[in-house]
């Protein structure tokens, strides 16, 4: 299974996770079966509020799930409409997020858990901008 995680910079499994899905500089995609990973630049990181197009940067990639620290309702709806499972996690690195994913410890993101505003930089890992 290929899991996509937004990151602040590419350091493989040690990449620091971005709590802001839409404005993360990059995404690391990890194959949970063999542990390989690859980085994808977020070409849509600088967008106006509510104008996130998360699938643009991920177009053509084989992704089964997205694990985020935070995500806006619009981006969440777009990912779910594309058939992607979106899960929440508040762990600091890609490796820790993947371990929690494998263990089944990450809850599904819902509209109730999505960030509805951009006024705060952090809500304990639950806000997206």
Protein backbone atom coordinates (compact mmCIF):
# COMPACT_ATOMS: atom_id res chain seq x y z
CA UNK A 1 0.00 0.00 0.00
CA UNK A 2 1.28 3.48 -0.86
CA UNK A 3 0.79 6.10 1.84
CA UNK A 4 1.29 9.82 1.16
CA UNK A 5 2.41 12.13 3.99
CA UNK A 6 2.96 15.91 3.75
CA UNK A 7 6.43 16.96 4.90
CA UNK A 8 8.44 20.09 5.66
CA UNK A 9 11.57 18.73 3.95
CA UNK A 10 12.76 15.48 2.40
CA UNK A 11 14.74 13.30 4.78
CA UNK A 12 13.17 9.99 3.81
CA UNK A 13 11.54 8.25 6.78
CA UNK A 14 13.04 10.90 9.08
CA UNK A 15 11.23 13.71 7.22
CA UNK A 16 9.44 16.08 9.59
CA UNK A 17 5.68 15.90 9.04
CA UNK A 18 3.90 19.12 8.09
CA UNK A 19 0.72 19.81 10.03
CA UNK A 20 -0.58 21.75 7.02
CA UNK A 21 -1.47 19.38 4.18
CA UNK A 22 -2.20 21.88 1.42
CA UNK A 23 0.79 24.14 2.03
CA UNK A 24 3.37 21.43 2.76
CA UNK A 25 6.44 21.91 0.54
CA UNK A 26 6.47 18.22 -0.41
CA UNK A 27 4.92 14.81 0.11
CA UNK A 28 6.68 11.55 0.89
CA UNK A 29 5.03 8.45 -0.51
CA UNK A 30 5.94 5.27 1.37
CA UNK A 31 5.29 1.74 0.17
CA UNK A 32 4.23 0.10 3.45
CA UNK A 33 5.09 -3.37 2.17
CA UNK A 34 8.75 -2.87 1.27
CA UNK A 35 9.53 0.42 3.08
CA UNK A 36 10.69 2.27 -0.02
CA UNK A 37 9.86 5.95 -0.30
CA UNK A 38 9.92 8.76 -2.83
CA UNK A 39 9.34 12.50 -2.59
CA UNK A 40 6.89 14.57 -4.62
CA UNK A 41 7.16 18.35 -4.71
CA UNK A 42 3.93 20.17 -3.85
CA UNK A 43 3.44 22.38 -6.91
CA UNK A 44 0.29 23.86 -5.31
CA UNK A 45 1.78 24.84 -1.92
CA UNK A 46 1.07 28.55 -2.41
CA UNK A 47 -2.63 28.89 -2.96
CA UNK A 48 -5.41 31.20 -1.80
CA UNK A 49 -7.58 30.13 1.12
CA UNK A 50 -9.96 27.38 0.03
CA UNK A 51 -8.23 26.95 -3.33
CA UNK A 52 -6.12 23.90 -2.50
CA UNK A 53 -5.88 21.38 -5.34
CA UNK A 54 -4.23 18.45 -3.59
CA UNK A 55 -4.54 16.05 -6.48
CA UNK A 56 -2.64 18.30 -8.89
CA UNK A 57 0.74 17.54 -7.34
CA UNK A 58 -0.20 13.90 -6.81
CA UNK A 59 -1.61 13.33 -10.31
CA UNK A 60 -0.35 10.10 -11.85
CA UNK A 61 0.95 8.74 -8.55
CA UNK A 62 -0.31 5.43 -7.15
CA UNK A 63 -1.53 6.43 -3.70
CA UNK A 64 -3.90 4.40 -1.53
CA UNK A 65 -4.08 6.59 1.58
CA UNK A 66 -3.06 10.01 2.84
CA UNK A 67 -1.90 10.50 6.43
CA UNK A 68 -2.03 14.09 7.66
CA UNK A 69 -1.44 16.14 10.77
CA UNK A 70 -4.17 18.53 9.64
CA UNK A 71 -6.30 19.17 6.57
CA UNK A 72 -8.96 21.63 5.49
CA UNK A 73 -12.48 20.52 4.68
CA UNK A 74 -12.12 21.32 0.97
CA UNK A 75 -8.93 19.31 0.51
CA UNK A 76 -10.38 16.45 2.57
CA UNK A 77 -13.50 16.34 0.41
CA UNK A 78 -11.43 16.34 -2.79
CA UNK A 79 -9.19 13.51 -1.61
CA UNK A 80 -12.16 11.44 -0.41
CA UNK A 81 -14.01 12.05 -3.69
CA UNK A 82 -10.97 10.63 -5.47
CA UNK A 83 -11.37 7.46 -3.41
CA UNK A 84 -8.42 8.06 -1.08
CA UNK A 85 -8.56 7.12 2.57
CA UNK A 86 -7.48 10.11 4.71
CA UNK A 87 -6.18 9.44 8.23
CA UNK A 88 -5.07 11.76 11.03
CA UNK A 89 -1.84 11.51 12.99
CA UNK A 90 0.16 13.86 15.18
CA UNK A 91 3.55 12.16 15.05
CA UNK A 92 6.74 14.08 14.19
CA UNK A 93 8.27 11.96 11.41
CA UNK A 94 7.19 9.99 8.37
CA UNK A 95 8.58 6.80 9.91
CA UNK A 96 6.50 7.26 13.07
CA UNK A 97 3.37 7.98 11.01
CA UNK A 98 3.93 4.87 8.87
CA UNK A 99 4.43 2.73 11.99
CA UNK A 100 1.16 4.05 13.46
CA UNK A 101 -0.57 3.45 10.11
CA UNK A 102 0.66 -0.15 9.97
CA UNK A 103 -0.53 -0.71 13.55
CA UNK A 104 -3.99 0.63 12.71
CA UNK A 105 -3.72 3.42 15.29
CA UNK A 106 -4.73 6.35 13.08
CA UNK A 107 -8.35 7.56 12.96
CA UNK A 108 -10.06 8.54 9.74
CA UNK A 109 -10.28 12.25 9.02
CA UNK A 110 -13.82 13.62 8.93
CA UNK A 111 -15.37 16.98 8.20
CA UNK A 112 -15.71 17.40 11.98
CA UNK A 113 -11.93 16.98 12.44
CA UNK A 114 -10.98 19.17 9.46
CA UNK A 115 -9.76 22.68 10.05
CA UNK A 116 -12.31 25.27 8.99
CA UNK A 117 -10.06 28.34 9.19
CA UNK A 118 -6.54 29.61 8.75
CA UNK A 119 -6.16 31.89 11.76
CA UNK A 120 -4.02 29.56 13.84
CA UNK A 121 -0.68 28.00 13.01
CA UNK A 122 -1.29 24.92 15.16
CA UNK A 123 -4.11 23.18 16.92
CA UNK A 124 -2.15 20.28 18.29
CA UNK A 125 -1.66 19.00 14.77
CA UNK A 126 -5.26 19.37 13.67
CA UNK A 127 -5.24 22.55 11.58
CA UNK A 128 -4.53 22.97 7.92
CA UNK A 129 -3.84 26.04 5.91
